[in-house]
C-alpha atoms as a PDB file:
ATOM      1  CA  UNK A   1    -185.457  58.732  -8.197  1.00  0.00           C
ATOM      2  CA  UNK A   2    -181.961  59.135  -8.479  1.00  0.00           C
ATOM      3  CA  UNK A   3    -180.899  58.958 -11.599  1.00  0.00           C
ATOM      4  CA  UNK A   4    -177.799  57.340 -12.646  1.00  0.00           C
ATOM      5  CA  UNK A   5    -175.631  58.946 -15.106  1.00  0.00           C
ATOM      6  CA  UNK A   6    -173.286  56.816 -16.969  1.00  0.00           C
ATOM      7  CA  UNK A   7    -170.235  57.851 -18.264  1.00  0.00           C
ATOM      8  CA  UNK A   8    -170.081  56.852 -22.093  1.00  0.00           C
ATOM      9  CA  UNK A   9    -166.119  56.358 -23.424  1.00  0.00           C
ATOM     10  CA  UNK A  10    -165.612  58.700 -26.566  1.00  0.00           C
ATOM     11  CA  UNK A  11    -164.353  56.406 -29.054  1.00  0.00           C
ATOM     12  CA  UNK A  12    -162.690  59.028 -30.772  1.00  0.00           C
ATOM     13  CA  UNK A  13    -159.921  59.858 -27.552  1.00  0.00           C
ATOM     14  CA  UNK A  14    -156.072  59.188 -28.827  1.00  0.00           C
ATOM     15  CA  UNK A  15    -154.757  56.746 -26.842  1.00  0.00           C
ATOM     16  CA  UNK A  16    -152.078  57.242 -24.374  1.00  0.00           C
ATOM     17  CA  UNK A  17    -148.300  57.408 -25.367  1.00  0.00           C
ATOM     18  CA  UNK A  18    -146.785  54.288 -25.649  1.00  0.00           C
ATOM     19  CA  UNK A  19    -150.171  52.185 -25.347  1.00  0.00           C
ATOM     20  CA  UNK A  20    -150.327  49.224 -28.369  1.00  0.00           C
ATOM     21  CA  UNK A  21    -152.037  51.096 -30.584  1.00  0.00           C
ATOM     22  CA  UNK A  22    -149.456  54.099 -30.312  1.00  0.00           C
ATOM     23  CA  UNK A  23    -147.603  54.129 -33.869  1.00  0.00           C
ATOM     24  CA  UNK A  24    -143.817  53.829 -33.347  1.00  0.00           C
ATOM     25  CA  UNK A  25    -142.982  57.672 -34.589  1.00  0.00           C
ATOM     26  CA  UNK A  26    -144.594  58.851 -30.988  1.00  0.00           C
ATOM     27  CA  UNK A  27    -142.849  56.291 -29.274  1.00  0.00           C
ATOM     28  CA  UNK A  28    -139.673  57.266 -26.921  1.00  0.00           C
ATOM     29  CA  UNK A  29    -138.029  54.046 -26.993  1.00  0.00           C
ATOM     30  CA  UNK A  30    -137.561  53.650 -30.747  1.00  0.00           C
ATOM     31  CA  UNK A  31    -136.156  57.176 -31.161  1.00  0.00           C
ATOM     32  CA  UNK A  32    -134.006  56.704 -28.443  1.00  0.00           C
ATOM     33  CA  UNK A  33    -132.745  53.610 -29.713  1.00  0.00           C
ATOM     34  CA  UNK A  34    -132.555  54.961 -33.635  1.00  0.00           C
ATOM     35  CA  UNK A  35    -130.609  57.873 -32.161  1.00  0.00           C
ATOM     36  CA  UNK A  36    -128.167  56.041 -30.876  1.00  0.00           C
ATOM     37  CA  UNK A  37    -127.916  53.238 -33.628  1.00  0.00           C
ATOM     38  CA  UNK A  38    -127.616  56.376 -35.821  1.00  0.00           C
ATOM     39  CA  UNK A  39    -124.169  58.238 -33.598  1.00  0.00           C
ATOM     40  CA  UNK A  40    -122.633  54.537 -33.128  1.00  0.00           C
ATOM     41  CA  UNK A  41    -122.966  54.055 -37.080  1.00  0.00           C
ATOM     42  CA  UNK A  42    -121.616  57.753 -37.480  1.00  0.00           C
ATOM     43  CA  UNK A  43    -118.422  57.031 -35.259  1.00  0.00           C
ATOM     44  CA  UNK A  44    -117.157  53.703 -36.677  1.00  0.00           C
ATOM     45  CA  UNK A  45    -117.515  55.130 -40.598  1.00  0.00           C
ATOM     46  CA  UNK A  46    -115.284  58.134 -39.202  1.00  0.00           C
ATOM     47  CA  UNK A  47    -112.584  55.061 -37.186  1.00  0.00           C
ATOM     48  CA  UNK A  48    -112.165  53.309 -40.028  1.00  0.00           C
ATOM     49  CA  UNK A  49    -108.207  53.453 -41.059  1.00  0.00           C
ATOM     50  CA  UNK A  50    -107.776  55.535 -44.390  1.00  0.00           C
ATOM     51  CA  UNK A  51    -105.472  53.860 -46.681  1.00  0.00           C
ATOM     52  CA  UNK A  52    -103.053  56.424 -47.745  1.00  0.00           C
ATOM     53  CA  UNK A  53    -101.480  55.950 -51.276  1.00  0.00           C
ATOM     54  CA  UNK A  54     -97.715  54.816 -51.494  1.00  0.00           C
ATOM     55  CA  UNK A  55     -97.062  57.938 -53.135  1.00  0.00           C
ATOM     56  CA  UNK A  56     -98.140  60.283 -49.803  1.00  0.00           C
ATOM     57  CA  UNK A  57     -96.743  56.973 -47.659  1.00  0.00           C
ATOM     58  CA  UNK A  58     -92.848  58.093 -49.438  1.00  0.00           C
ATOM     59  CA  UNK A  59     -93.894  61.566 -49.015  1.00  0.00           C
ATOM     60  CA  UNK A  60     -94.628  61.758 -45.429  1.00  0.00           C
ATOM     61  CA  UNK A  61     -91.307  59.176 -44.398  1.00  0.00           C
ATOM     62  CA  UNK A  62     -89.232  62.011 -46.116  1.00  0.00           C
ATOM     63  CA  UNK A  63     -91.183  65.210 -44.472  1.00  0.00           C
ATOM     64  CA  UNK A  64     -90.410  62.968 -40.854  1.00  0.00           C
ATOM     65  CA  UNK A  65     -86.290  62.571 -42.108  1.00  0.00           C
ATOM     66  CA  UNK A  66     -86.348  66.125 -43.212  1.00  0.00           C
ATOM     67  CA  UNK A  67     -87.379  67.047 -39.336  1.00  0.00           C
ATOM     68  CA  UNK A  68     -85.103  64.437 -37.676  1.00  0.00           C
ATOM     69  CA  UNK A  69     -81.973  65.666 -40.314  1.00  0.00           C
ATOM     70  CA  UNK A  70     -82.500  69.406 -39.085  1.00  0.00           C
ATOM     71  CA  UNK A  71     -83.478  68.694 -35.621  1.00  0.00           C
ATOM     72  CA  UNK A  72     -80.429  66.353 -35.281  1.00  0.00           C
ATOM     73  CA  UNK A  73     -77.762  68.467 -37.151  1.00  0.00           C
ATOM     74  CA  UNK A  74     -76.421  70.891 -34.212  1.00  0.00           C
ATOM     75  CA  UNK A  75     -75.893  68.083 -31.877  1.00  0.00           C
ATOM     76  CA  UNK A  76     -73.961  65.840 -34.889  1.00  0.00           C
ATOM     77  CA  UNK A  77     -72.174  69.001 -35.405  1.00  0.00           C
ATOM     78  CA  UNK A  78     -71.093  69.451 -32.260  1.00  0.00           C
ATOM     79  CA  UNK A  79     -70.061  65.541 -31.455  1.00  0.00           C
ATOM     80  CA  UNK A  80     -67.603  65.768 -34.408  1.00  0.00           C
ATOM     81  CA  UNK A  81     -66.470  69.230 -33.085  1.00  0.00           C
ATOM     82  CA  UNK A  82     -65.460  67.898 -29.550  1.00  0.00           C
ATOM     83  CA  UNK A  83     -63.920  64.728 -31.085  1.00  0.00           C
ATOM     84  CA  UNK A  84     -61.732  66.385 -33.680  1.00  0.00           C
ATOM     85  CA  UNK A  85     -60.791  68.713 -30.577  1.00  0.00           C
ATOM     86  CA  UNK A  86     -59.767  65.837 -28.551  1.00  0.00           C
ATOM     87  CA  UNK A  87     -58.257  63.872 -31.773  1.00  0.00           C
ATOM     88  CA  UNK A  88     -55.874  67.755 -31.646  1.00  0.00           C
ATOM     89  CA  UNK A  89     -55.383  67.122 -28.388  1.00  0.00           C
ATOM     90  CA  UNK A  90     -54.659  63.599 -28.147  1.00  0.00           C
ATOM     91  CA  UNK A  91     -51.776  64.177 -31.393  1.00  0.00           C
ATOM     92  CA  UNK A  92     -50.261  67.466 -29.742  1.00  0.00           C
ATOM     93  CA  UNK A  93     -51.332  69.382 -32.692  1.00  0.00           C
ATOM     94  CA  UNK A  94     -53.975  71.561 -30.791  1.00  0.00           C
ATOM     95  CA  UNK A  95     -52.934  75.001 -31.115  1.00  0.00           C
ATOM     96  CA  UNK A  96     -52.751  77.262 -28.201  1.00  0.00           C
ATOM     97  CA  UNK A  97     -55.441  79.991 -29.717  1.00  0.00           C
ATOM     98  CA  UNK A  98     -57.878  76.200 -29.660  1.00  0.00           C
ATOM     99  CA  UNK A  99     -56.658  75.341 -26.677  1.00  0.00           C
ATOM    100  CA  UNK A 100     -58.041  78.522 -24.947  1.00  0.00           C
ATOM    101  CA  UNK A 101     -61.379  78.415 -26.888  1.00  0.00           C
ATOM    102  CA  UNK A 102     -61.903  75.172 -26.620  1.00  0.00           C
ATOM    103  CA  UNK A 103     -63.712  74.959 -23.096  1.00  0.00           C
ATOM    104  CA  UNK A 104     -66.426  77.265 -24.226  1.00  0.00           C
ATOM    105  CA  UNK A 105     -66.645  75.252 -27.229  1.00  0.00           C
ATOM    106  CA  UNK A 106     -67.699  72.573 -25.398  1.00  0.00           C
ATOM    107  CA  UNK A 107     -69.783  73.992 -23.556  1.00  0.00           C
ATOM    108  CA  UNK A 108     -71.630  74.793 -26.647  1.00  0.00           C
ATOM    109  CA  UNK A 109     -71.462  71.120 -27.886  1.00  0.00           C
ATOM    110  CA  UNK A 110     -72.554  70.130 -24.778  1.00  0.00           C
ATOM    111  CA  UNK A 111     -75.900  72.112 -24.684  1.00  0.00           C
ATOM    112  CA  UNK A 112     -76.170  71.289 -28.647  1.00  0.00           C
ATOM    113  CA  UNK A 113     -77.106  67.371 -27.557  1.00  0.00           C
ATOM    114  CA  UNK A 114     -78.715  68.076 -24.168  1.00  0.00           C
ATOM    115  CA  UNK A 115     -82.852  68.108 -23.425  1.00  0.00           C
ATOM    116  CA  UNK A 116     -82.055  72.109 -22.394  1.00  0.00           C
ATOM    117  CA  UNK A 117     -81.558  72.331 -26.264  1.00  0.00           C
ATOM    118  CA  UNK A 118     -85.203  73.114 -28.831  1.00  0.00           C
ATOM    119  CA  UNK A 119     -83.703  70.823 -31.486  1.00  0.00           C
ATOM    120  CA  UNK A 120     -83.312  67.937 -28.680  1.00  0.00           C
ATOM    121  CA  UNK A 121     -86.475  68.340 -27.429  1.00  0.00           C
ATOM    122  CA  UNK A 122     -88.190  68.856 -30.890  1.00  0.00           C
ATOM    123  CA  UNK A 123     -86.261  65.511 -32.500  1.00  0.00           C
ATOM    124  CA  UNK A 124     -87.932  63.980 -29.232  1.00  0.00           C
ATOM    125  CA  UNK A 125     -91.249  64.441 -29.970  1.00  0.00           C
ATOM    126  CA  UNK A 126     -91.600  64.188 -34.094  1.00  0.00           C
ATOM    127  CA  UNK A 127     -94.765  62.663 -34.625  1.00  0.00           C
ATOM    128  CA  UNK A 128     -94.493  59.248 -37.260  1.00  0.00           C
ATOM    129  CA  UNK A 129     -97.654  58.157 -39.644  1.00  0.00           C
ATOM    130  CA  UNK A 130     -99.575  55.845 -38.059  1.00  0.00           C
ATOM    131  CA  UNK A 131     -98.448  52.977 -40.871  1.00  0.00           C
ATOM    132  CA  UNK A 132     -96.373  49.884 -40.905  1.00  0.00           C
ATOM    133  CA  UNK A 133     -93.379  52.075 -42.460  1.00  0.00           C
ATOM    134  CA  UNK A 134     -94.094  54.448 -39.479  1.00  0.00           C
ATOM    135  CA  UNK A 135     -93.173  51.956 -36.957  1.00  0.00           C
ATOM    136  CA  UNK A 136     -89.851  51.561 -38.209  1.00  0.00           C
ATOM    137  CA  UNK A 137     -89.786  55.330 -38.286  1.00  0.00           C
ATOM    138  CA  UNK A 138     -90.952  55.723 -34.589  1.00  0.00           C
ATOM    139  CA  UNK A 139     -87.935  53.156 -33.718  1.00  0.00           C
ATOM    140  CA  UNK A 140     -85.516  55.247 -35.693  1.00  0.00           C
ATOM    141  CA  UNK A 141     -86.592  58.194 -34.354  1.00  0.00           C
ATOM    142  CA  UNK A 142     -85.932  56.727 -30.695  1.00  0.00           C
ATOM    143  CA  UNK A 143     -82.164  55.742 -32.181  1.00  0.00           C
ATOM    144  CA  UNK A 144     -81.121  59.089 -32.868  1.00  0.00           C
ATOM    145  CA  UNK A 145     -82.660  60.521 -29.703  1.00  0.00           C
ATOM    146  CA  UNK A 146     -80.372  57.892 -27.949  1.00  0.00           C
ATOM    147  CA  UNK A 147     -77.689  58.780 -30.293  1.00  0.00           C
ATOM    148  CA  UNK A 148     -77.398  62.421 -29.273  1.00  0.00           C
ATOM    149  CA  UNK A 149     -78.622  62.247 -25.842  1.00  0.00           C
ATOM    150  CA  UNK A 150     -77.006  59.447 -24.507  1.00  0.00           C
ATOM    151  CA  UNK A 151     -73.967  58.519 -26.686  1.00  0.00           C
ATOM    152  CA  UNK A 152     -73.346  62.197 -28.314  1.00  0.00           C
ATOM    153  CA  UNK A 153     -73.772  63.925 -24.796  1.00  0.00           C
ATOM    154  CA  UNK A 154     -71.961  61.586 -23.103  1.00  0.00           C
ATOM    155  CA  UNK A 155     -68.840  62.068 -25.191  1.00  0.00           C
ATOM    156  CA  UNK A 156     -68.868  65.474 -25.246  1.00  0.00           C
ATOM    157  CA  UNK A 157     -68.735  65.719 -21.139  1.00  0.00           C
ATOM    158  CA  UNK A 158     -65.611  62.448 -21.243  1.00  0.00           C
ATOM    159  CA  UNK A 159     -64.125  65.268 -23.455  1.00  0.00           C
ATOM    160  CA  UNK A 160     -64.732  67.962 -21.230  1.00  0.00           C
ATOM    161  CA  UNK A 161     -62.782  66.330 -18.564  1.00  0.00           C
ATOM    162  CA  UNK A 162     -59.997  64.736 -20.095  1.00  0.00           C
ATOM    163  CA  UNK A 163     -59.194  68.817 -22.251  1.00  0.00           C
ATOM    164  CA  UNK A 164     -58.049  69.229 -18.205  1.00  0.00           C
ATOM    165  CA  UNK A 165     -57.072  65.905 -17.363  1.00  0.00           C
ATOM    166  CA  UNK A 166     -55.758  63.703 -19.903  1.00  0.00           C
ATOM    167  CA  UNK A 167     -55.225  60.742 -17.573  1.00  0.00           C
ATOM    168  CA  UNK A 168     -58.420  60.141 -16.271  1.00  0.00           C
ATOM    169  CA  UNK A 169     -58.651  57.030 -16.216  1.00  0.00           C
ATOM    170  CA  UNK A 170     -62.750  56.735 -15.740  1.00  0.00           C
ATOM    171  CA  UNK A 171     -63.467  59.217 -18.661  1.00  0.00           C
ATOM    172  CA  UNK A 172     -60.921  57.201 -21.175  1.00  0.00           C
ATOM    173  CA  UNK A 173     -62.990  54.133 -20.029  1.00  0.00           C
ATOM    174  CA  UNK A 174     -66.335  55.822 -20.511  1.00  0.00           C
ATOM    175  CA  UNK A 175     -65.275  57.216 -23.114  1.00  0.00           C
ATOM    176  CA  UNK A 176     -64.427  54.237 -25.408  1.00  0.00           C
ATOM    177  CA  UNK A 177     -67.613  53.230 -23.925  1.00  0.00           C
ATOM    178  CA  UNK A 178     -70.004  55.570 -25.423  1.00  0.00           C
ATOM    179  CA  UNK A 179     -68.060  55.778 -28.617  1.00  0.00           C
ATOM    180  CA  UNK A 180     -68.959  51.781 -29.054  1.00  0.00           C
ATOM    181  CA  UNK A 181     -72.902  52.706 -28.184  1.00  0.00           C
ATOM    182  CA  UNK A 182     -72.792  55.220 -30.736  1.00  0.00           C
ATOM    183  CA  UNK A 183     -71.793  53.079 -33.430  1.00  0.00           C
ATOM    184  CA  UNK A 184     -74.218  50.244 -32.196  1.00  0.00           C
ATOM    185  CA  UNK A 185     -77.179  53.278 -32.233  1.00  0.00           C
ATOM    186  CA  UNK A 186     -76.297  54.719 -35.384  1.00  0.00           C
ATOM    187  CA  UNK A 187     -76.234  51.229 -36.715  1.00  0.00           C
ATOM    188  CA  UNK A 188     -79.935  50.683 -35.273  1.00  0.00           C
ATOM    189  CA  UNK A 189     -80.964  53.676 -37.083  1.00  0.00           C
ATOM    190  CA  UNK A 190     -79.948  52.322 -40.571  1.00  0.00           C
ATOM    191  CA  UNK A 191     -81.449  49.072 -39.789  1.00  0.00           C
ATOM    192  CA  UNK A 192     -84.758  51.084 -38.640  1.00  0.00           C
ATOM    193  CA  UNK A 193     -84.675  53.404 -42.056  1.00  0.00           C
ATOM    194  CA  UNK A 194     -83.840  50.308 -44.210  1.00  0.00           C
ATOM    195  CA  UNK A 195     -87.087  48.898 -43.011  1.00  0.00           C
ATOM    196  CA  UNK A 196     -88.864  51.783 -44.018  1.00  0.00           C
ATOM    197  CA  UNK A 197     -87.387  51.325 -47.284  1.00  0.00           C
ATOM    198  CA  UNK A 198     -88.168  48.128 -47.846  1.00  0.00           C
ATOM    199  CA  UNK A 199     -91.925  48.197 -46.927  1.00  0.00           C
ATOM    200  CA  UNK A 200     -92.369  51.450 -49.208  1.00  0.00           C
ATOM    201  CA  UNK A 201     -90.989  50.410 -51.551  1.00  0.00           C
ATOM    202  CA  UNK A 202     -88.595  53.532 -51.994  1.00  0.00           C
ATOM    203  CA  UNK A 203     -85.187  55.018 -50.977  1.00  0.00           C
ATOM    204  CA  UNK A 204     -86.243  57.432 -47.994  1.00  0.00           C
ATOM    205  CA  UNK A 205     -83.285  60.013 -46.973  1.00  0.00           C
ATOM    206  CA  UNK A 206     -81.227  58.654 -44.211  1.00  0.00           C
ATOM    207  CA  UNK A 207     -80.515  59.804 -40.702  1.00  0.00           C
ATOM    208  CA  UNK A 208     -77.305  62.253 -40.915  1.00  0.00           C
ATOM    209  CA  UNK A 209     -75.372  60.407 -38.027  1.00  0.00           C
ATOM    210  CA  UNK A 210     -71.468  60.939 -38.106  1.00  0.00           C
ATOM    211  CA  UNK A 211     -69.270  58.314 -37.848  1.00  0.00           C
ATOM    212  CA  UNK A 212     -67.162  58.782 -34.617  1.00  0.00           C
ATOM    213  CA  UNK A 213     -64.110  56.867 -33.528  1.00  0.00           C
ATOM    214  CA  UNK A 214     -65.490  53.492 -32.734  1.00  0.00           C
ATOM    215  CA  UNK A 215     -61.922  51.956 -30.405  1.00  0.00           C
ATOM    216  CA  UNK A 216     -61.432  48.084 -30.088  1.00  0.00           C
ATOM    217  CA  UNK A 217     -62.808  46.616 -27.197  1.00  0.00           C
ATOM    218  CA  UNK A 218     -60.569  46.369 -24.168  1.00  0.00           C
END
C-alpha cells in the first residue's frame, strides 16, 4: 500500500512581498510615491519667491547703475569728444595740430562705442534683479546699449567721414538723424530710471548719457 504524503502549509511563513498581508513599509510602490512627494515638496519650497527688503532692492538697483555708468563712461566720453571735434571743424576753430591727430582720436572713439570694446560687451550683458524695478532697469540697459552701439557709434562714424568730406550730404543727413535718435534713447533711459525710482521710492543714480546736439527736424 502506497502512503500518500500530504504537505502541510507552514502557518508561520511570511507572506510574499506586496501581498495584502505585507506591511506598507515593505511595499515598493508606497515607498516610491513617498520619495517622489518628498522631492517635489523640496523643489516647490526652493522655488518659492524670496521677497527682498526695500533696502536690499535699492542697493541692488544702485549696483546695477554703478555697472551701467562704469561700462558706459568710455563711449560717452568718446561721443562728446567726436562731437566737439566736428563742432570745431564747422566753426573753423580746429587747430592744425588737432586736425592732424583727429583721425586717430576718432578711431579710438569708434572703438569705444563698438562691441569690440570689452566695456560695451559688459554693458550689454549686465544682469538685473528679477523684480518690478528690475524690469525698468532691464529696459534701461537696453536703451543705453542702443544709445552706445547705434546712436553714438553712428555719430562718430559720420563725423569720421565729414572730417575729410565736410559737404558729404549722406553723412550730414545721417548725422542729424542719429543725433535726434540719441536724444530719444536718452529720454527713454531717463524714463526707465524714473520708473525704478517710483517703484523703489528712492532716487537711483541716473545713466551718465551726455546731451549731444539735437538738430531741428528737416
